[in-house]
């Protein structure tokens, strides 16, 4: 494990959490959008995160399952951003320009499946994770500075 590995791992976490914050903010901003360029109402988006596994680990741990990757990871990355397929809430408003013109939902408008409370909780979680990764970087910088002082 190199000297800057912890900083690199925390930096990947920070970039992922920044993207999560952007996606959550987009969800909140579009919580009442009944029309998109693709057609239909806005669908909530979710960021799927996966670990970046070490291909050639430099150390072994007795606590890591041997059938899995033996060694430290290299951080995280975004695997994909997925749109939720769940139907949004239906509100009867026949005068709305996006109201269904026919079918069983005639006169109903579909609103996004975005729950503001859930999105705010997710936003707080992403913010805390970003801060935690920032603290890891700051701690690493302080340790490196202390190590340089010892060498003087």
N, C-alpha and C. Protein backbone atom coordinates (compact mmCIF):
# COMPACT_ATOMS: atom_id res chain seq x y z
N UNK A 1 0.84 -1.17 0.00
CA UNK A 1 0.00 0.00 0.00
C UNK A 1 0.89 1.23 0.00
N UNK A 2 0.71 2.09 -0.98
CA UNK A 2 1.53 3.28 -1.07
C UNK A 2 1.12 4.35 -0.09
N UNK A 3 1.96 5.36 -0.01
CA UNK A 3 1.73 6.44 0.94
C UNK A 3 0.46 7.22 0.61
N UNK A 4 0.13 7.37 -0.64
CA UNK A 4 -1.01 8.19 -1.02
C UNK A 4 -2.27 7.38 -1.32
N UNK A 5 -2.24 6.07 -1.06
CA UNK A 5 -3.39 5.23 -1.37
C UNK A 5 -4.64 5.66 -0.61
N UNK A 6 -4.49 5.97 0.67
CA UNK A 6 -5.67 6.37 1.45
C UNK A 6 -6.27 7.66 0.91
N UNK A 7 -5.43 8.57 0.45
CA UNK A 7 -5.94 9.82 -0.12
C UNK A 7 -6.65 9.52 -1.44
N UNK A 8 -6.08 8.64 -2.26
CA UNK A 8 -6.71 8.29 -3.54
C UNK A 8 -8.07 7.61 -3.32
N UNK A 9 -8.15 6.71 -2.34
CA UNK A 9 -9.40 6.02 -2.05
C UNK A 9 -10.45 7.02 -1.58
N UNK A 10 -10.07 7.90 -0.66
CA UNK A 10 -11.01 8.91 -0.18
C UNK A 10 -11.44 9.87 -1.29
N UNK A 11 -10.53 10.17 -2.21
CA UNK A 11 -10.87 11.06 -3.33
C UNK A 11 -11.92 10.42 -4.24
N UNK A 12 -11.84 9.09 -4.45
CA UNK A 12 -12.88 8.44 -5.25
C UNK A 12 -14.23 8.53 -4.55
N UNK A 13 -14.21 8.38 -3.23
CA UNK A 13 -15.44 8.51 -2.45
C UNK A 13 -16.02 9.91 -2.55
N UNK A 14 -15.15 10.91 -2.50
CA UNK A 14 -15.63 12.29 -2.61
C UNK A 14 -16.26 12.56 -3.97
N UNK A 15 -15.66 12.06 -5.03
CA UNK A 15 -16.22 12.31 -6.37
C UNK A 15 -17.56 11.60 -6.54
N UNK A 16 -17.69 10.39 -5.99
CA UNK A 16 -18.96 9.67 -6.07
C UNK A 16 -20.03 10.40 -5.27
N UNK A 17 -19.69 10.87 -4.07
CA UNK A 17 -20.68 11.56 -3.25
C UNK A 17 -21.08 12.90 -3.86
N UNK A 18 -20.17 13.55 -4.56
CA UNK A 18 -20.53 14.79 -5.25
C UNK A 18 -21.54 14.50 -6.36
N UNK A 19 -21.33 13.42 -7.10
CA UNK A 19 -22.28 13.04 -8.14
C UNK A 19 -23.62 12.66 -7.53
N UNK A 20 -23.60 11.92 -6.41
CA UNK A 20 -24.85 11.57 -5.72
C UNK A 20 -25.60 12.82 -5.32
N UNK A 21 -24.87 13.82 -4.81
CA UNK A 21 -25.49 15.09 -4.42
C UNK A 21 -26.14 15.77 -5.62
N UNK A 22 -25.46 15.74 -6.77
CA UNK A 22 -26.01 16.34 -7.98
C UNK A 22 -27.30 15.63 -8.42
N UNK A 23 -27.30 14.31 -8.37
CA UNK A 23 -28.48 13.54 -8.80
C UNK A 23 -29.64 13.77 -7.84
N UNK A 24 -29.35 13.78 -6.54
CA UNK A 24 -30.40 14.03 -5.55
C UNK A 24 -30.96 15.44 -5.72
N UNK A 25 -30.10 16.41 -5.97
CA UNK A 25 -30.56 17.78 -6.20
C UNK A 25 -31.44 17.85 -7.44
N UNK A 26 -31.09 17.11 -8.48
CA UNK A 26 -31.90 17.05 -9.69
C UNK A 26 -33.27 16.45 -9.39
N UNK A 27 -33.30 15.41 -8.56
CA UNK A 27 -34.58 14.81 -8.17
C UNK A 27 -35.46 15.83 -7.45
N UNK A 28 -34.87 16.56 -6.52
CA UNK A 28 -35.63 17.56 -5.76
C UNK A 28 -36.13 18.67 -6.68
N UNK A 29 -35.28 19.12 -7.59
CA UNK A 29 -35.65 20.20 -8.50
C UNK A 29 -36.80 19.79 -9.43
N UNK A 30 -36.89 18.51 -9.75
CA UNK A 30 -37.92 18.04 -10.68
C UNK A 30 -39.08 17.33 -9.98
N UNK A 31 -39.26 17.57 -8.70
CA UNK A 31 -40.29 16.88 -7.93
C UNK A 31 -41.70 17.17 -8.41
N UNK A 32 -41.88 18.24 -9.19
CA UNK A 32 -43.21 18.56 -9.70
C UNK A 32 -43.25 18.62 -11.23
N UNK A 33 -42.22 18.12 -11.89
CA UNK A 33 -42.16 18.16 -13.36
C UNK A 33 -43.04 17.07 -13.96
N UNK A 34 -44.10 17.48 -14.64
CA UNK A 34 -45.02 16.50 -15.23
C UNK A 34 -44.70 16.21 -16.69
N UNK A 35 -43.71 16.90 -17.25
CA UNK A 35 -43.37 16.70 -18.65
C UNK A 35 -41.85 16.75 -18.82
N UNK A 36 -41.30 15.78 -19.54
CA UNK A 36 -39.87 15.75 -19.85
C UNK A 36 -39.68 15.70 -21.36
N UNK A 37 -38.46 15.85 -21.81
CA UNK A 37 -38.18 15.78 -23.25
C UNK A 37 -38.45 14.39 -23.81
N UNK A 38 -38.26 13.36 -22.98
CA UNK A 38 -38.52 11.99 -23.42
C UNK A 38 -40.01 11.68 -23.45
N UNK A 39 -40.81 12.51 -22.81
CA UNK A 39 -42.24 12.27 -22.69
C UNK A 39 -42.57 11.71 -21.32
N UNK A 40 -43.74 12.03 -20.84
CA UNK A 40 -44.15 11.57 -19.51
C UNK A 40 -43.56 12.43 -18.41
N UNK A 41 -43.86 12.05 -17.19
CA UNK A 41 -43.35 12.84 -16.07
C UNK A 41 -41.92 12.41 -15.72
N UNK A 42 -41.27 13.23 -14.90
CA UNK A 42 -39.91 12.95 -14.46
C UNK A 42 -39.90 11.70 -13.59
N UNK A 43 -38.89 10.86 -13.75
CA UNK A 43 -38.71 9.67 -12.92
C UNK A 43 -37.48 9.85 -12.04
N UNK A 44 -37.64 9.51 -10.78
CA UNK A 44 -36.54 9.63 -9.82
C UNK A 44 -35.32 8.84 -10.31
N UNK A 45 -34.13 9.40 -10.09
CA UNK A 45 -32.89 8.73 -10.46
C UNK A 45 -32.12 8.33 -9.21
N UNK A 46 -31.42 7.23 -9.31
CA UNK A 46 -30.61 6.72 -8.21
C UNK A 46 -29.23 6.35 -8.72
N UNK A 47 -28.20 6.68 -7.94
CA UNK A 47 -26.82 6.36 -8.29
C UNK A 47 -26.48 4.98 -7.71
N UNK A 48 -25.98 4.09 -8.55
CA UNK A 48 -25.53 2.77 -8.12
C UNK A 48 -24.00 2.81 -8.02
N UNK A 49 -23.51 2.48 -6.84
CA UNK A 49 -22.07 2.57 -6.55
C UNK A 49 -21.50 1.16 -6.39
N UNK A 50 -20.27 0.97 -6.89
CA UNK A 50 -19.60 -0.32 -6.72
C UNK A 50 -18.15 -0.09 -6.30
N UNK A 51 -17.58 -1.06 -5.58
CA UNK A 51 -16.18 -0.91 -5.18
C UNK A 51 -15.24 -1.15 -6.35
N UNK A 52 -14.10 -0.51 -6.28
CA UNK A 52 -13.03 -0.76 -7.25
C UNK A 52 -12.09 -1.75 -6.56
N UNK A 53 -12.13 -3.00 -6.97
CA UNK A 53 -11.34 -4.04 -6.31
C UNK A 53 -9.90 -3.99 -6.80
N UNK A 54 -9.02 -4.34 -5.92
CA UNK A 54 -7.60 -4.40 -6.26
C UNK A 54 -7.33 -5.64 -7.11
N UNK A 55 -6.71 -5.45 -8.26
CA UNK A 55 -6.41 -6.59 -9.13
C UNK A 55 -5.21 -7.38 -8.62
N UNK A 56 -4.22 -6.71 -8.10
CA UNK A 56 -3.01 -7.36 -7.59
C UNK A 56 -2.73 -6.83 -6.18
N UNK A 57 -3.40 -7.37 -5.18
CA UNK A 57 -3.19 -6.85 -3.83
C UNK A 57 -1.75 -7.09 -3.37
N UNK A 58 -1.25 -6.16 -2.58
CA UNK A 58 0.13 -6.25 -2.11
C UNK A 58 0.22 -6.82 -0.71
N UNK A 59 -0.90 -7.05 -0.04
CA UNK A 59 -0.88 -7.66 1.28
C UNK A 59 -2.07 -8.58 1.43
N UNK A 60 -1.97 -9.50 2.35
CA UNK A 60 -3.04 -10.46 2.61
C UNK A 60 -3.54 -10.25 4.03
N UNK A 61 -4.82 -10.52 4.22
CA UNK A 61 -5.42 -10.38 5.54
C UNK A 61 -6.08 -11.70 5.92
N UNK A 62 -5.91 -12.14 7.16
CA UNK A 62 -6.60 -13.37 7.58
C UNK A 62 -8.11 -13.14 7.74
N UNK A 63 -8.54 -11.89 7.72
CA UNK A 63 -9.95 -11.57 7.94
C UNK A 63 -10.73 -11.44 6.64
N UNK A 64 -10.06 -11.56 5.50
CA UNK A 64 -10.73 -11.44 4.21
C UNK A 64 -10.96 -12.83 3.65
N UNK A 65 -12.16 -13.09 3.19
CA UNK A 65 -12.53 -14.38 2.62
C UNK A 65 -11.64 -14.69 1.41
N UNK A 66 -11.04 -15.87 1.39
CA UNK A 66 -10.10 -16.22 0.32
C UNK A 66 -10.79 -16.39 -1.03
N UNK A 67 -12.10 -16.63 -1.04
CA UNK A 67 -12.79 -16.77 -2.32
C UNK A 67 -13.04 -15.41 -2.97
N UNK A 68 -12.85 -14.36 -2.21
CA UNK A 68 -13.04 -13.02 -2.73
C UNK A 68 -11.68 -12.38 -2.98
N UNK A 69 -11.69 -11.15 -3.40
CA UNK A 69 -10.46 -10.41 -3.65
C UNK A 69 -9.72 -10.23 -2.32
N UNK A 70 -8.50 -10.74 -2.23
CA UNK A 70 -7.72 -10.61 -1.00
C UNK A 70 -6.89 -9.34 -1.02
N UNK A 71 -7.34 -8.36 -0.35
CA UNK A 71 -6.57 -7.14 -0.28
C UNK A 71 -7.45 -5.92 -0.23
N UNK A 72 -6.81 -4.80 -0.05
CA UNK A 72 -7.57 -3.57 0.06
C UNK A 72 -8.15 -3.17 -1.29
N UNK A 73 -9.23 -2.44 -1.24
CA UNK A 73 -9.82 -1.95 -2.47
C UNK A 73 -9.11 -0.69 -2.94
N UNK A 74 -9.57 -0.18 -4.03
CA UNK A 74 -8.98 1.03 -4.59
C UNK A 74 -9.97 2.19 -4.56
N UNK A 75 -11.06 2.02 -3.82
CA UNK A 75 -12.05 3.07 -3.72
C UNK A 75 -13.38 2.62 -4.29
N UNK A 76 -14.17 3.59 -4.74
CA UNK A 76 -15.48 3.31 -5.30
C UNK A 76 -15.65 4.05 -6.62
N UNK A 77 -16.64 3.61 -7.38
CA UNK A 77 -16.97 4.29 -8.64
C UNK A 77 -18.47 4.12 -8.88
N UNK A 78 -18.99 4.95 -9.75
CA UNK A 78 -20.39 4.87 -10.12
C UNK A 78 -20.55 3.81 -11.20
N UNK A 79 -21.38 2.82 -10.92
CA UNK A 79 -21.65 1.79 -11.93
C UNK A 79 -22.65 2.32 -12.95
N UNK A 80 -23.72 2.95 -12.45
CA UNK A 80 -24.72 3.51 -13.35
C UNK A 80 -25.67 4.41 -12.58
N UNK A 81 -26.40 5.20 -13.32
CA UNK A 81 -27.48 6.01 -12.75
C UNK A 81 -28.76 5.45 -13.36
N UNK A 82 -29.64 4.94 -12.49
CA UNK A 82 -30.86 4.29 -12.98
C UNK A 82 -32.09 5.14 -12.68
N UNK A 83 -33.06 5.05 -13.58
CA UNK A 83 -34.34 5.72 -13.38
C UNK A 83 -35.30 4.74 -12.72
N UNK A 84 -36.01 5.22 -11.72
CA UNK A 84 -37.00 4.41 -11.03
C UNK A 84 -38.19 4.18 -11.97
N UNK A 85 -38.68 2.94 -12.05
CA UNK A 85 -39.78 2.63 -12.95
C UNK A 85 -41.14 2.68 -12.26
N UNK A 86 -41.15 2.93 -10.96
CA UNK A 86 -42.40 2.99 -10.22
C UNK A 86 -43.27 4.16 -10.69
N UNK A 87 -44.56 3.92 -10.77
CA UNK A 87 -45.46 4.98 -11.21
C UNK A 87 -45.57 6.05 -10.12
N UNK A 88 -45.63 7.29 -10.56
CA UNK A 88 -45.79 8.40 -9.63
C UNK A 88 -47.23 8.52 -9.15
N UNK A 89 -47.48 9.48 -8.30
CA UNK A 89 -48.84 9.65 -7.78
C UNK A 89 -49.72 10.28 -8.86
N UNK A 90 -50.95 9.84 -8.88
CA UNK A 90 -51.92 10.31 -9.86
C UNK A 90 -52.86 11.31 -9.19
N UNK A 91 -53.02 12.46 -9.81
CA UNK A 91 -53.87 13.52 -9.28
C UNK A 91 -54.91 13.88 -10.33
N UNK A 92 -56.15 13.91 -9.91
CA UNK A 92 -57.23 14.25 -10.85
C UNK A 92 -57.25 15.75 -11.08
N UNK A 93 -56.94 16.14 -12.32
CA UNK A 93 -56.92 17.55 -12.72
C UNK A 93 -57.17 17.61 -14.23
N UNK A 94 -58.43 17.47 -14.64
CA UNK A 94 -58.73 17.39 -16.08
C UNK A 94 -58.35 18.64 -16.86
N UNK A 95 -58.17 19.79 -16.21
CA UNK A 95 -57.79 21.01 -16.91
C UNK A 95 -56.30 21.15 -17.14
N UNK A 96 -55.50 20.28 -16.57
CA UNK A 96 -54.04 20.34 -16.70
C UNK A 96 -53.65 19.91 -18.12
N UNK A 97 -52.68 20.61 -18.74
CA UNK A 97 -52.29 20.23 -20.11
C UNK A 97 -51.69 18.83 -20.23
N UNK A 98 -51.18 18.26 -19.14
CA UNK A 98 -50.60 16.92 -19.19
C UNK A 98 -51.56 15.83 -18.69
N UNK A 99 -52.82 16.17 -18.50
CA UNK A 99 -53.80 15.19 -18.05
C UNK A 99 -54.03 14.16 -19.16
N UNK A 100 -54.23 12.91 -18.74
CA UNK A 100 -54.50 11.84 -19.71
C UNK A 100 -55.80 12.13 -20.43
N UNK A 101 -55.78 11.98 -21.75
CA UNK A 101 -56.96 12.29 -22.58
C UNK A 101 -57.92 11.11 -22.71
N UNK A 102 -57.42 9.90 -22.47
CA UNK A 102 -58.28 8.72 -22.59
C UNK A 102 -57.74 7.62 -21.69
N UNK A 103 -58.45 6.51 -21.65
CA UNK A 103 -58.02 5.36 -20.87
C UNK A 103 -58.54 5.42 -19.45
N UNK A 104 -58.06 4.48 -18.62
CA UNK A 104 -58.58 4.41 -17.25
C UNK A 104 -58.18 5.62 -16.39
N UNK A 105 -57.13 6.34 -16.79
CA UNK A 105 -56.68 7.49 -16.01
C UNK A 105 -57.09 8.81 -16.68
N UNK A 106 -58.18 8.79 -17.42
CA UNK A 106 -58.64 10.00 -18.12
C UNK A 106 -58.85 11.12 -17.10
N UNK A 107 -58.19 12.26 -17.37
CA UNK A 107 -58.31 13.42 -16.49
C UNK A 107 -57.28 13.45 -15.38
N UNK A 108 -56.49 12.39 -15.23
CA UNK A 108 -55.48 12.32 -14.18
C UNK A 108 -54.13 12.78 -14.72
N UNK A 109 -53.35 13.40 -13.84
CA UNK A 109 -51.99 13.84 -14.17
C UNK A 109 -51.04 13.02 -13.30
N UNK A 110 -50.01 12.44 -13.95
CA UNK A 110 -49.00 11.69 -13.19
C UNK A 110 -47.91 12.65 -12.75
N UNK A 111 -47.66 12.68 -11.44
CA UNK A 111 -46.59 13.49 -10.88
C UNK A 111 -45.39 12.59 -10.57
N UNK A 112 -44.18 13.15 -10.52
CA UNK A 112 -42.98 12.33 -10.28
C UNK A 112 -43.06 11.52 -8.99
N UNK A 113 -42.37 10.39 -9.01
CA UNK A 113 -42.31 9.51 -7.85
C UNK A 113 -41.20 9.93 -6.89
N UNK A 114 -41.01 11.21 -6.72
CA UNK A 114 -39.95 11.76 -5.86
C UNK A 114 -40.57 12.11 -4.51
N UNK A 115 -40.02 11.53 -3.45
CA UNK A 115 -40.45 11.86 -2.09
C UNK A 115 -39.40 12.83 -1.53
N UNK A 116 -39.80 14.07 -1.30
CA UNK A 116 -38.86 15.11 -0.87
C UNK A 116 -38.17 14.74 0.44
N UNK A 117 -38.90 14.15 1.38
CA UNK A 117 -38.30 13.79 2.68
C UNK A 117 -37.20 12.75 2.47
N UNK A 118 -37.48 11.72 1.67
CA UNK A 118 -36.45 10.70 1.40
C UNK A 118 -35.24 11.32 0.71
N UNK A 119 -35.49 12.22 -0.23
CA UNK A 119 -34.39 12.86 -0.94
C UNK A 119 -33.55 13.72 -0.01
N UNK A 120 -34.17 14.41 0.92
CA UNK A 120 -33.42 15.23 1.88
C UNK A 120 -32.57 14.35 2.80
N UNK A 121 -33.13 13.21 3.21
CA UNK A 121 -32.35 12.27 4.04
C UNK A 121 -31.16 11.75 3.24
N UNK A 122 -31.38 11.39 1.96
CA UNK A 122 -30.29 10.93 1.11
C UNK A 122 -29.25 12.03 0.91
N UNK A 123 -29.70 13.27 0.79
CA UNK A 123 -28.79 14.39 0.61
C UNK A 123 -27.92 14.59 1.85
N UNK A 124 -28.52 14.47 3.02
CA UNK A 124 -27.75 14.59 4.26
C UNK A 124 -26.73 13.46 4.35
N UNK A 125 -27.13 12.23 3.97
CA UNK A 125 -26.20 11.09 4.00
C UNK A 125 -25.04 11.29 3.04
N UNK A 126 -25.33 11.78 1.84
CA UNK A 126 -24.26 12.02 0.87
C UNK A 126 -23.32 13.11 1.38
N UNK A 127 -23.89 14.13 2.01
CA UNK A 127 -23.08 15.21 2.56
C UNK A 127 -22.16 14.70 3.67
N UNK A 128 -22.70 13.87 4.55
CA UNK A 128 -21.89 13.31 5.66
C UNK A 128 -20.78 12.39 5.12
N UNK A 129 -21.10 11.61 4.11
CA UNK A 129 -20.08 10.73 3.52
C UNK A 129 -18.98 11.55 2.86
N UNK A 130 -19.36 12.64 2.21
CA UNK A 130 -18.37 13.53 1.59
C UNK A 130 -17.46 14.12 2.67
N UNK A 131 -18.07 14.57 3.77
CA UNK A 131 -17.28 15.12 4.89
C UNK A 131 -16.35 14.08 5.50
N UNK A 132 -16.83 12.83 5.62
CA UNK A 132 -16.00 11.76 6.17
C UNK A 132 -14.78 11.51 5.29
N UNK A 133 -14.99 11.47 3.98
CA UNK A 133 -13.87 11.28 3.06
C UNK A 133 -12.91 12.46 3.11
N UNK A 134 -13.45 13.65 3.28
CA UNK A 134 -12.61 14.83 3.42
C UNK A 134 -11.75 14.75 4.68
N UNK A 135 -12.34 14.24 5.76
CA UNK A 135 -11.59 14.07 7.02
C UNK A 135 -10.47 13.04 6.86
N UNK A 136 -10.72 11.99 6.08
CA UNK A 136 -9.68 10.99 5.82
C UNK A 136 -8.51 11.64 5.10
N UNK A 137 -8.80 12.46 4.11
CA UNK A 137 -7.74 13.14 3.37
C UNK A 137 -6.97 14.08 4.28
N UNK A 138 -7.69 14.83 5.11
CA UNK A 138 -7.02 15.75 6.03
C UNK A 138 -6.15 14.99 7.03
N UNK A 139 -6.65 13.87 7.54
CA UNK A 139 -5.86 13.05 8.46
C UNK A 139 -4.62 12.50 7.79
N UNK A 140 -4.74 12.06 6.55
CA UNK A 140 -3.58 11.56 5.81
C UNK A 140 -2.54 12.65 5.62
N UNK A 141 -2.99 13.86 5.29
CA UNK A 141 -2.05 14.97 5.12
C UNK A 141 -1.32 15.28 6.42
N UNK A 142 -2.05 15.22 7.53
CA UNK A 142 -1.42 15.49 8.83
C UNK A 142 -0.40 14.41 9.19
N UNK A 143 -0.73 13.14 8.88
CA UNK A 143 0.22 12.05 9.16
C UNK A 143 1.48 12.19 8.31
N UNK A 144 1.31 12.55 7.05
CA UNK A 144 2.47 12.73 6.17
C UNK A 144 3.33 13.89 6.65
N UNK A 145 2.70 14.96 7.10
CA UNK A 145 3.44 16.10 7.63
C UNK A 145 4.21 15.72 8.88
N UNK A 146 3.57 14.93 9.77
CA UNK A 146 4.24 14.48 10.99
C UNK A 146 5.42 13.56 10.65
N UNK A 147 5.25 12.71 9.65
CA UNK A 147 6.33 11.80 9.25
C UNK A 147 7.51 12.61 8.70
N UNK A 148 7.24 13.66 7.98
CA UNK A 148 8.32 14.51 7.46
C UNK A 148 9.05 15.23 8.60
N UNK A 149 8.30 15.62 9.63
CA UNK A 149 8.91 16.27 10.80
C UNK A 149 9.85 15.32 11.54
N UNK A 150 9.48 14.06 11.61
CA UNK A 150 10.33 13.06 12.28
C UNK A 150 11.65 12.94 11.56
N UNK A 151 11.60 13.02 10.25
CA UNK A 151 12.82 12.86 9.45
C UNK A 151 13.77 14.06 9.53
N UNK A 152 13.34 15.16 10.10
CA UNK A 152 14.21 16.35 10.18
C UNK A 152 15.33 16.17 11.15
